[in-house]
Amino acid sequence: ETFGWAYAGDSLVAILAGQLASITAAKQGPTGPFTLSVLFLTIGSLLTLLTWGENTAPQQKKEANNAENGAEGTEKSSNSIKAALEVMSKDKRILLLGAVQALFEGAMYIFVLQWPPAIKAAILSSPLFSSAAAAVPFGGIFSCFMACCLLGSTLFGVLAKWGVQVERSFASMLYVAALAISAATYFGSAHLSVLVAAFFVFEACVGMYFPSIGTLRSRYLPDAQRSVIMNLFGIPLNLIVVSVFLSINTLGVSGALTCASAALGIASLCMTLLANSAKKE
């Protein structure tokens, strides 16, 4: 529930950001939102510098941990890549969770860079809106996406209150996300309404994804190796995104979205295996 509220707050801020970006772009051109972002980055940096303290464990707790482990170097060695790989190799649930994270976030980053040209192409192919193609309200569309994210994170909180198993709701969400991107890929280019509806559904899934993955990471990843394991999860994620965009001239928008839908389909299967494993336990 806490993760759901946290990401709901992120969505509310993002909705406002989309509106500010749209207004700034209308007045200063496409570089206006980037200029405005400098102000917010500066404010965020100052707040972090002045109000955040270093997140370190108390000295007594450190000494107790060292005494329990039997050596001062145990904590350092437990955070090594080798130790993280050993933990991952012994628990298939961690591998499945890592696959889900890499595949879903890879598909999400592909979507992030492909939705503007996809929507613009659909508008150009529509006889009703082709004259307005040069003035696509990207900021307003982004705010709508973030409203869908808010809906998704709120739905996660509701399901958590109802006692629905996170693994099950997560798996169902991934199947819905895969179907949404598949619909956008195969029907969206000729039907603007289908494309927009599919993108809205996918963004709702994104809103549900972040609190879900945060919950499962806290459940399955051991504290001592969590940071290292999460960095290792980023390797296949980056490979997916870089591979697709190095081939973007060949793939095009539809090809990139096809890769995203395939990644989501595989992620759905991995999450189903993880959910079945959790059910047996």
C-alpha atoms as a PDB file:
ATOM      1  CA  GLU A   1       0.000   0.000   0.000  1.00  0.00           C
ATOM      2  CA  THR A   2       2.899   2.354   0.813  1.00  0.00           C
ATOM      3  CA  PHE A   3       4.464   1.726  -2.604  1.00  0.00           C
ATOM      4  CA  GLY A   4       1.092   2.446  -4.202  1.00  0.00           C
ATOM      5  CA  TRP A   5       0.767   5.815  -2.454  1.00  0.00           C
ATOM      6  CA  ALA A   6       4.363   6.729  -3.317  1.00  0.00           C
ATOM      7  CA  TYR A   7       3.929   6.139  -7.027  1.00  0.00           C
ATOM      8  CA  ALA A   8       0.516   7.795  -6.992  1.00  0.00           C
ATOM      9  CA  GLY A   9       2.276  10.927  -5.779  1.00  0.00           C
ATOM     10  CA  ASP A  10       4.825  10.605  -8.578  1.00  0.00           C
ATOM     11  CA  SER A  11       1.993  10.436 -11.097  1.00  0.00           C
ATOM     12  CA  LEU A  12       0.352  13.576  -9.750  1.00  0.00           C
ATOM     13  CA  VAL A  13       3.622  15.488 -10.071  1.00  0.00           C
ATOM     14  CA  ALA A  14       4.107  14.108 -13.587  1.00  0.00           C
ATOM     15  CA  ILE A  15       0.617  15.262 -14.642  1.00  0.00           C
ATOM     16  CA  LEU A  16       1.518  18.811 -13.584  1.00  0.00           C
ATOM     17  CA  ALA A  17       4.880  18.493 -15.340  1.00  0.00           C
ATOM     18  CA  GLY A  18       3.178  17.560 -18.599  1.00  0.00           C
ATOM     19  CA  GLN A  19       0.967  20.622 -18.447  1.00  0.00           C
ATOM     20  CA  LEU A  20       3.902  22.922 -17.650  1.00  0.00           C
ATOM     21  CA  ALA A  21       5.910  21.382 -20.490  1.00  0.00           C
ATOM     22  CA  SER A  22       3.048  21.946 -22.924  1.00  0.00           C
ATOM     23  CA  ILE A  23       2.688  25.616 -21.926  1.00  0.00           C
ATOM     24  CA  THR A  24       6.446  26.214 -22.075  1.00  0.00           C
ATOM     25  CA  ALA A  25       6.801  24.498 -25.449  1.00  0.00           C
ATOM     26  CA  ALA A  26       4.028  26.681 -26.878  1.00  0.00           C
ATOM     27  CA  LYS A  27       5.826  29.848 -25.748  1.00  0.00           C
ATOM     28  CA  GLN A  28       9.510  28.950 -26.193  1.00  0.00           C
ATOM     29  CA  GLY A  29       9.540  26.081 -28.670  1.00  0.00           C
ATOM     30  CA  PRO A  30      10.608  22.440 -28.190  1.00  0.00           C
ATOM     31  CA  THR A  31      13.607  23.357 -26.019  1.00  0.00           C
ATOM     32  CA  GLY A  32      11.461  25.291 -23.535  1.00  0.00           C
ATOM     33  CA  PRO A  33      10.585  22.309 -21.289  1.00  0.00           C
ATOM     34  CA  PHE A  34      14.277  21.377 -21.015  1.00  0.00           C
ATOM     35  CA  THR A  35      15.134  24.886 -19.911  1.00  0.00           C
ATOM     36  CA  LEU A  36      12.339  24.822 -17.335  1.00  0.00           C
ATOM     37  CA  SER A  37      13.534  21.478 -16.003  1.00  0.00           C
ATOM     38  CA  VAL A  38      16.806  23.082 -14.905  1.00  0.00           C
ATOM     39  CA  LEU A  39      14.864  25.097 -12.307  1.00  0.00           C
ATOM     40  CA  PHE A  40      13.252  22.000 -10.808  1.00  0.00           C
ATOM     41  CA  LEU A  41      16.521  20.051 -10.869  1.00  0.00           C
ATOM     42  CA  THR A  42      18.188  22.884  -8.982  1.00  0.00           C
ATOM     43  CA  ILE A  43      15.419  22.985  -6.372  1.00  0.00           C
ATOM     44  CA  GLY A  44      15.585  19.212  -5.960  1.00  0.00           C
ATOM     45  CA  SER A  45      19.357  19.287  -5.566  1.00  0.00           C
ATOM     46  CA  LEU A  46      19.153  21.990  -2.880  1.00  0.00           C
ATOM     47  CA  LEU A  47      16.451  20.114  -0.965  1.00  0.00           C
ATOM     48  CA  THR A  48      18.506  16.933  -1.080  1.00  0.00           C
ATOM     49  CA  LEU A  49      21.671  18.719   0.018  1.00  0.00           C
ATOM     50  CA  LEU A  50      20.023  20.572   2.911  1.00  0.00           C
ATOM     51  CA  THR A  51      17.511  18.042   4.247  1.00  0.00           C
ATOM     52  CA  TRP A  52      18.824  14.542   3.523  1.00  0.00           C
ATOM     53  CA  GLY A  53      21.188  12.784   5.905  1.00  0.00           C
ATOM     54  CA  GLU A  54      23.515   9.924   5.074  1.00  0.00           C
ATOM     55  CA  ASN A  55      21.694   6.587   5.375  1.00  0.00           C
ATOM     56  CA  THR A  56      24.183   4.704   7.565  1.00  0.00           C
ATOM     57  CA  ALA A  57      23.566   2.079  10.199  1.00  0.00           C
ATOM     58  CA  PRO A  58      24.363   2.918  13.843  1.00  0.00           C
ATOM     59  CA  GLN A  59      27.853   1.935  14.966  1.00  0.00           C
ATOM     60  CA  GLN A  60      26.547  -0.499  17.560  1.00  0.00           C
ATOM     61  CA  LYS A  61      24.502  -2.309  14.922  1.00  0.00           C
ATOM     62  CA  LYS A  62      27.538  -2.530  12.654  1.00  0.00           C
ATOM     63  CA  GLU A  63      29.633  -4.014  15.455  1.00  0.00           C
ATOM     64  CA  ALA A  64      26.891  -6.490  16.315  1.00  0.00           C
ATOM     65  CA  ASN A  65      26.657  -7.577  12.679  1.00  0.00           C
ATOM     66  CA  ASN A  66      30.412  -7.996  12.440  1.00  0.00           C
ATOM     67  CA  ALA A  67      30.489 -10.051  15.627  1.00  0.00           C
ATOM     68  CA  GLU A  68      27.654 -12.232  14.386  1.00  0.00           C
ATOM     69  CA  ASN A  69      29.284 -12.837  11.031  1.00  0.00           C
ATOM     70  CA  GLY A  70      32.609 -13.565  12.655  1.00  0.00           C
ATOM     71  CA  ALA A  71      34.726 -11.122  10.636  1.00  0.00           C
ATOM     72  CA  GLU A  72      34.839  -7.452   9.774  1.00  0.00           C
ATOM     73  CA  GLY A  73      35.184  -8.145   6.072  1.00  0.00           C
ATOM     74  CA  THR A  74      32.074 -10.264   5.807  1.00  0.00           C
ATOM     75  CA  GLU A  75      29.761  -7.329   5.097  1.00  0.00           C
ATOM     76  CA  LYS A  76      31.989  -6.073   2.297  1.00  0.00           C
ATOM     77  CA  SER A  77      32.369  -9.487   0.706  1.00  0.00           C
ATOM     78  CA  SER A  78      28.633 -10.140   0.892  1.00  0.00           C
ATOM     79  CA  ASN A  79      28.096  -7.084  -1.320  1.00  0.00           C
ATOM     80  CA  SER A  80      30.433  -8.341  -4.047  1.00  0.00           C
ATOM     81  CA  ILE A  81      29.274  -9.325  -7.506  1.00  0.00           C
ATOM     82  CA  LYS A  82      30.437 -12.888  -6.892  1.00  0.00           C
ATOM     83  CA  ALA A  83      28.284 -13.192  -3.773  1.00  0.00           C
ATOM     84  CA  ALA A  84      25.297 -11.726  -5.603  1.00  0.00           C
ATOM     85  CA  LEU A  85      25.700 -14.170  -8.488  1.00  0.00           C
ATOM     86  CA  GLU A  86      25.875 -17.072  -6.039  1.00  0.00           C
ATOM     87  CA  VAL A  87      22.654 -15.951  -4.383  1.00  0.00           C
ATOM     88  CA  MET A  88      20.946 -15.587  -7.760  1.00  0.00           C
ATOM     89  CA  SER A  89      22.086 -19.017  -8.947  1.00  0.00           C
ATOM     90  CA  LYS A  90      20.654 -20.675  -5.847  1.00  0.00           C
ATOM     91  CA  ASP A  91      17.206 -19.066  -6.067  1.00  0.00           C
ATOM     92  CA  LYS A  92      15.353 -19.230  -9.384  1.00  0.00           C
ATOM     93  CA  ARG A  93      12.775 -16.769  -8.078  1.00  0.00           C
ATOM     94  CA  ILE A  94      15.391 -14.023  -8.131  1.00  0.00           C
ATOM     95  CA  LEU A  95      16.275 -14.894 -11.729  1.00  0.00           C
ATOM     96  CA  LEU A  96      12.613 -14.840 -12.734  1.00  0.00           C
ATOM     97  CA  LEU A  97      12.088 -11.499 -11.011  1.00  0.00           C
ATOM     98  CA  GLY A  98      15.175 -10.090 -12.740  1.00  0.00           C
ATOM     99  CA  ALA A  99      13.894 -11.288 -16.104  1.00  0.00           C
ATOM    100  CA  VAL A 100      10.518  -9.653 -15.469  1.00  0.00           C
ATOM    101  CA  GLN A 101      12.149  -6.356 -14.509  1.00  0.00           C
ATOM    102  CA  ALA A 102      14.523  -6.277 -17.474  1.00  0.00           C
ATOM    103  CA  LEU A 103      11.866  -7.255 -20.014  1.00  0.00           C
ATOM    104  CA  PHE A 104       9.112  -4.966 -18.758  1.00  0.00           C
ATOM    105  CA  GLU A 105      11.331  -1.926 -18.309  1.00  0.00           C
ATOM    106  CA  GLY A 106      12.954  -2.607 -21.678  1.00  0.00           C
ATOM    107  CA  ALA A 107       9.503  -2.562 -23.281  1.00  0.00           C
ATOM    108  CA  MET A 108       8.629   0.561 -21.298  1.00  0.00           C
ATOM    109  CA  TYR A 109      11.694   2.480 -22.526  1.00  0.00           C
ATOM    110  CA  ILE A 110      10.962   1.417 -26.097  1.00  0.00           C
ATOM    111  CA  PHE A 111       7.426   2.755 -25.635  1.00  0.00           C
ATOM    112  CA  VAL A 112       8.715   6.023 -24.130  1.00  0.00           C
ATOM    113  CA  LEU A 113      10.701   6.816 -27.262  1.00  0.00           C
ATOM    114  CA  GLN A 114       8.199   5.469 -29.793  1.00  0.00           C
ATOM    115  CA  TRP A 115       4.828   6.792 -28.664  1.00  0.00           C
ATOM    116  CA  PRO A 116       5.315  10.332 -30.102  1.00  0.00           C
ATOM    117  CA  PRO A 117       6.112   9.172 -33.666  1.00  0.00           C
ATOM    118  CA  ALA A 118       3.432   6.471 -33.413  1.00  0.00           C
ATOM    119  CA  ILE A 119       0.723   8.973 -32.470  1.00  0.00           C
ATOM    120  CA  LYS A 120       1.880  11.518 -35.030  1.00  0.00           C
ATOM    121  CA  ALA A 121       1.853   8.875 -37.773  1.00  0.00           C
ATOM    122  CA  ALA A 122      -1.660   7.789 -36.778  1.00  0.00           C
ATOM    123  CA  ILE A 123      -2.846  11.414 -36.893  1.00  0.00           C
ATOM    124  CA  LEU A 124      -1.295  11.875 -40.328  1.00  0.00           C
ATOM    125  CA  SER A 125      -3.134   8.808 -41.607  1.00  0.00           C
ATOM    126  CA  SER A 126      -6.448  10.081 -40.246  1.00  0.00           C
ATOM    127  CA  PRO A 127      -8.444  12.331 -42.618  1.00  0.00           C
ATOM    128  CA  LEU A 128     -10.044  14.089 -39.635  1.00  0.00           C
ATOM    129  CA  PHE A 129      -6.864  15.342 -37.977  1.00  0.00           C
ATOM    130  CA  SER A 130      -4.141  15.411 -40.642  1.00  0.00           C
ATOM    131  CA  SER A 131      -4.218  19.216 -40.860  1.00  0.00           C
ATOM    132  CA  ALA A 132      -3.346  19.481 -37.155  1.00  0.00           C
ATOM    133  CA  ALA A 133      -0.478  16.988 -37.236  1.00  0.00           C
ATOM    134  CA  ALA A 134       2.135  19.681 -36.786  1.00  0.00           C
ATOM    135  CA  ALA A 135       0.565  20.778 -33.484  1.00  0.00           C
ATOM    136  CA  VAL A 136       0.207  17.488 -31.614  1.00  0.00           C
ATOM    137  CA  PRO A 137      -0.280  18.338 -27.893  1.00  0.00           C
ATOM    138  CA  PHE A 138       2.450  16.059 -26.601  1.00  0.00           C
ATOM    139  CA  GLY A 139       2.425  17.686 -23.147  1.00  0.00           C
ATOM    140  CA  GLY A 140      -1.302  17.120 -22.775  1.00  0.00           C
ATOM    141  CA  ILE A 141      -0.991  13.534 -23.977  1.00  0.00           C
ATOM    142  CA  PHE A 142       1.805  12.928 -21.481  1.00  0.00           C
ATOM    143  CA  SER A 143      -0.401  14.263 -18.680  1.00  0.00           C
ATOM    144  CA  CYS A 144      -3.128  11.834 -19.753  1.00  0.00           C
ATOM    145  CA  PHE A 145      -0.580   9.021 -19.630  1.00  0.00           C
ATOM    146  CA  MET A 146       0.386  10.028 -16.106  1.00  0.00           C
ATOM    147  CA  ALA A 147      -3.278  10.100 -15.092  1.00  0.00           C
ATOM    148  CA  CYS A 148      -3.458   6.487 -16.284  1.00  0.00           C
ATOM    149  CA  CYS A 149      -0.362   5.714 -14.199  1.00  0.00           C
ATOM    150  CA  LEU A 150      -2.147   7.210 -11.201  1.00  0.00           C
ATOM    151  CA  LEU A 151      -5.089   4.916 -11.887  1.00  0.00           C
ATOM    152  CA  GLY A 152      -2.758   1.907 -12.027  1.00  0.00           C
ATOM    153  CA  SER A 153      -0.963   2.688  -8.772  1.00  0.00           C
ATOM    154  CA  THR A 154      -4.323   3.327  -7.091  1.00  0.00           C
ATOM    155  CA  LEU A 155      -5.577  -0.035  -8.342  1.00  0.00           C
ATOM    156  CA  PHE A 156      -2.512  -1.694  -6.806  1.00  0.00           C
ATOM    157  CA  GLY A 157      -3.399  -0.175  -3.431  1.00  0.00           C
ATOM    158  CA  VAL A 158      -6.997  -1.364  -3.719  1.00  0.00           C
ATOM    159  CA  LEU A 159      -5.939  -4.913  -4.602  1.00  0.00           C
ATOM    160  CA  ALA A 160      -3.459  -4.918  -1.714  1.00  0.00           C
ATOM    161  CA  LYS A 161      -6.284  -3.956   0.688  1.00  0.00           C
ATOM    162  CA  TRP A 162      -8.396  -6.798  -0.700  1.00  0.00           C
ATOM    163  CA  GLY A 163      -5.596  -9.252   0.037  1.00  0.00           C
ATOM    164  CA  VAL A 164      -4.906 -10.176  -3.589  1.00  0.00           C
ATOM    165  CA  GLN A 165      -1.534 -11.886  -3.954  1.00  0.00           C
ATOM    166  CA  VAL A 166       0.914  -9.455  -5.569  1.00  0.00           C
ATOM    167  CA  GLU A 167       2.407 -12.167  -7.756  1.00  0.00           C
ATOM    168  CA  ARG A 168      -1.010 -12.980  -9.229  1.00  0.00           C
ATOM    169  CA  SER A 169      -2.074  -9.394  -9.840  1.00  0.00           C
ATOM    170  CA  PHE A 170       1.363  -8.646 -11.310  1.00  0.00           C
ATOM    171  CA  ALA A 171       1.115 -11.570 -13.749  1.00  0.00           C
ATOM    172  CA  SER A 172      -2.372 -10.518 -14.855  1.00  0.00           C
ATOM    173  CA  MET A 173      -1.176  -6.951 -15.371  1.00  0.00           C
ATOM    174  CA  LEU A 174       1.706  -8.125 -17.567  1.00  0.00           C
ATOM    175  CA  TYR A 175      -0.662 -10.066 -19.834  1.00  0.00           C
ATOM    176  CA  VAL A 176      -2.852  -6.984 -20.171  1.00  0.00           C
ATOM    177  CA  ALA A 177       0.213  -4.846 -20.994  1.00  0.00           C
ATOM    178  CA  ALA A 178       1.331  -7.329 -23.653  1.00  0.00           C
ATOM    179  CA  LEU A 179      -2.122  -7.320 -25.253  1.00  0.00           C
ATOM    180  CA  ALA A 180      -2.256  -3.510 -25.177  1.00  0.00           C
ATOM    181  CA  ILE A 181       1.074  -3.025 -26.966  1.00  0.00           C
ATOM    182  CA  SER A 182       0.201  -5.790 -29.427  1.00  0.00           C
ATOM    183  CA  ALA A 183      -3.062  -4.015 -30.255  1.00  0.00           C
ATOM    184  CA  ALA A 184      -1.202  -0.725 -30.698  1.00  0.00           C
ATOM    185  CA  THR A 185       1.323  -2.440 -32.990  1.00  0.00           C
ATOM    186  CA  TYR A 186      -1.090  -4.229 -35.293  1.00  0.00           C
ATOM    187  CA  PHE A 187      -4.148  -1.975 -35.312  1.00  0.00           C
ATOM    188  CA  GLY A 188      -3.017   1.431 -34.074  1.00  0.00           C
ATOM    189  CA  SER A 189      -1.404   2.752 -37.247  1.00  0.00           C
ATOM    190  CA  ALA A 190      -4.761   2.764 -39.038  1.00  0.00           C
ATOM    191  CA  HIS A 191      -6.999   3.540 -36.039  1.00  0.00           C
ATOM    192  CA  LEU A 192      -6.025   6.474 -33.846  1.00  0.00           C
ATOM    193  CA  SER A 193      -8.640   5.638 -31.210  1.00  0.00           C
ATOM    194  CA  VAL A 194      -7.306   2.077 -30.849  1.00  0.00           C
ATOM    195  CA  LEU A 195      -3.740   3.365 -30.565  1.00  0.00           C
ATOM    196  CA  VAL A 196      -4.577   5.923 -27.872  1.00  0.00           C
ATOM    197  CA  ALA A 197      -6.724   3.467 -25.901  1.00  0.00           C
ATOM    198  CA  ALA A 198      -3.972   0.834 -26.034  1.00  0.00           C
ATOM    199  CA  PHE A 199      -1.370   3.342 -24.863  1.00  0.00           C
ATOM    200  CA  PHE A 200      -3.627   4.452 -22.010  1.00  0.00           C
ATOM    201  CA  VAL A 201      -4.065   0.840 -20.885  1.00  0.00           C
ATOM    202  CA  PHE A 202      -0.311   0.257 -21.040  1.00  0.00           C
ATOM    203  CA  GLU A 203       0.371   3.370 -18.945  1.00  0.00           C
ATOM    204  CA  ALA A 204      -2.101   2.130 -16.332  1.00  0.00           C
ATOM    205  CA  CYS A 205      -0.071  -1.082 -16.268  1.00  0.00           C
ATOM    206  CA  VAL A 206       3.100   0.985 -15.791  1.00  0.00           C
ATOM    207  CA  GLY A 207       1.465   2.682 -12.815  1.00  0.00           C
ATOM    208  CA  MET A 208       0.730  -0.726 -11.314  1.00  0.00           C
ATOM    209  CA  TYR A 209       4.166  -2.102 -12.198  1.00  0.00           C
ATOM    210  CA  PHE A 210       6.347   0.075  -9.981  1.00  0.00           C
ATOM    211  CA  PRO A 211       4.668  -0.609  -6.614  1.00  0.00           C
ATOM    212  CA  SER A 212       4.393  -4.283  -7.591  1.00  0.00           C
ATOM    213  CA  ILE A 213       8.069  -4.691  -8.468  1.00  0.00           C
ATOM    214  CA  GLY A 214       9.060  -2.720  -5.360  1.00  0.00           C
ATOM    215  CA  THR A 215       7.034  -5.084  -3.183  1.00  0.00           C
ATOM    216  CA  LEU A 216       8.490  -8.204  -4.787  1.00  0.00           C
ATOM    217  CA  ARG A 217      12.068  -6.918  -4.630  1.00  0.00           C
ATOM    218  CA  SER A 218      11.696  -6.368  -0.894  1.00  0.00           C
ATOM    219  CA  ARG A 219      10.265  -9.879  -0.602  1.00  0.00           C
ATOM    220  CA  TYR A 220      12.727 -11.897  -2.692  1.00  0.00           C
ATOM    221  CA  LEU A 221      16.012  -9.977  -2.771  1.00  0.00           C
ATOM    222  CA  PRO A 222      18.214 -10.361   0.313  1.00  0.00           C
ATOM    223  CA  ASP A 223      19.155  -7.062   1.936  1.00  0.00           C
ATOM    224  CA  ALA A 224      22.903  -7.718   1.830  1.00  0.00           C
ATOM    225  CA  GLN A 225      23.017  -8.182  -1.961  1.00  0.00           C
ATOM    226  CA  ARG A 226      19.992  -6.155  -3.063  1.00  0.00           C
ATOM    227  CA  SER A 227      21.844  -3.181  -4.535  1.00  0.00           C
ATOM    228  CA  VAL A 228      24.293  -5.371  -6.453  1.00  0.00           C
ATOM    229  CA  ILE A 229      21.569  -7.672  -7.775  1.00  0.00           C
ATOM    230  CA  MET A 230      19.494  -4.722  -8.954  1.00  0.00           C
ATOM    231  CA  ASN A 231      22.503  -3.380 -10.851  1.00  0.00           C
ATOM    232  CA  LEU A 232      22.974  -6.793 -12.456  1.00  0.00           C
ATOM    233  CA  PHE A 233      19.316  -6.716 -13.529  1.00  0.00           C
ATOM    234  CA  GLY A 234      20.154  -3.521 -15.408  1.00  0.00           C
ATOM    235  CA  ILE A 235      22.580  -5.277 -17.764  1.00  0.00           C
ATOM    236  CA  PRO A 236      19.980  -7.227 -19.819  1.00  0.00           C
ATOM    237  CA  LEU A 237      17.663  -4.200 -19.634  1.00  0.00           C
ATOM    238  CA  ASN A 238      20.275  -1.988 -21.293  1.00  0.00           C
ATOM    239  CA  LEU A 239      21.085  -4.668 -23.862  1.00  0.00           C
ATOM    240  CA  ILE A 240      17.417  -4.859 -24.888  1.00  0.00           C
ATOM    241  CA  VAL A 241      17.003  -1.108 -25.251  1.00  0.00           C
ATOM    242  CA  VAL A 242      20.330  -0.495 -27.010  1.00  0.00           C
ATOM    243  CA  SER A 243      19.817  -3.423 -29.412  1.00  0.00           C
ATOM    244  CA  VAL A 244      16.394  -2.162 -30.473  1.00  0.00           C
ATOM    245  CA  PHE A 245      17.487   1.426 -31.020  1.00  0.00           C
ATOM    246  CA  LEU A 246      20.640   0.487 -32.875  1.00  0.00           C
ATOM    247  CA  SER A 247      18.283  -1.270 -35.305  1.00  0.00           C
ATOM    248  CA  ILE A 248      15.552   1.380 -35.302  1.00  0.00           C
ATOM    249  CA  ASN A 249      16.151   2.371 -38.946  1.00  0.00           C
ATOM    250  CA  THR A 250      15.415  -1.211 -39.942  1.00  0.00           C
ATOM    251  CA  LEU A 251      12.646  -1.911 -37.437  1.00  0.00           C
ATOM    252  CA  GLY A 252      10.726   1.352 -37.634  1.00  0.00           C
ATOM    253  CA  VAL A 253       8.061   2.262 -35.102  1.00  0.00           C
ATOM    254  CA  SER A 254       5.960  -0.863 -35.659  1.00  0.00           C
ATOM    255  CA  GLY A 255       9.022  -3.118 -35.445  1.00  0.00           C
ATOM    256  CA  ALA A 256      10.145  -1.522 -32.186  1.00  0.00           C
ATOM    257  CA  LEU A 257       6.666  -1.916 -30.686  1.00  0.00           C
ATOM    258  CA  THR A 258       6.644  -5.533 -31.853  1.00  0.00           C
ATOM    259  CA  CYS A 259       9.857  -6.089 -29.887  1.00  0.00           C
ATOM    260  CA  ALA A 260       8.203  -4.451 -26.880  1.00  0.00           C
ATOM    261  CA  SER A 261       5.136  -6.695 -27.102  1.00  0.00           C
ATOM    262  CA  ALA A 262       7.373  -9.781 -27.410  1.00  0.00           C
ATOM    263  CA  ALA A 263       9.342  -8.723 -24.328  1.00  0.00           C
ATOM    264  CA  LEU A 264       6.104  -8.221 -22.404  1.00  0.00           C
ATOM    265  CA  GLY A 265       4.866 -11.651 -23.471  1.00  0.00           C
ATOM    266  CA  ILE A 266       8.029 -13.317 -22.154  1.00  0.00           C
ATOM    267  CA  ALA A 267       7.835 -11.254 -18.965  1.00  0.00           C
ATOM    268  CA  SER A 268       4.265 -12.504 -18.471  1.00  0.00           C
ATOM    269  CA  LEU A 269       5.398 -16.114 -18.687  1.00  0.00           C
ATOM    270  CA  CYS A 270       8.255 -15.505 -16.239  1.00  0.00           C
ATOM    271  CA  MET A 271       5.901 -13.840 -13.771  1.00  0.00           C
ATOM    272  CA  THR A 272       3.441 -16.724 -14.079  1.00  0.00           C
ATOM    273  CA  LEU A 273       6.232 -19.153 -13.156  1.00  0.00           C
ATOM    274  CA  LEU A 274       7.143 -16.979 -10.175  1.00  0.00           C
ATOM    275  CA  ALA A 275       3.508 -16.765  -9.075  1.00  0.00           C
ATOM    276  CA  ASN A 276       3.154 -20.549  -9.291  1.00  0.00           C
ATOM    277  CA  SER A 277       6.321 -20.957  -7.258  1.00  0.00           C
ATOM    278  CA  ALA A 278       5.007 -18.584  -4.588  1.00  0.00           C
ATOM    279  CA  LYS A 279       1.679 -20.443  -4.488  1.00  0.00           C
ATOM    280  CA  LYS A 280       3.397 -23.776  -3.805  1.00  0.00           C
ATOM    281  CA  GLU A 281       5.208 -22.263  -0.832  1.00  0.00           C
END
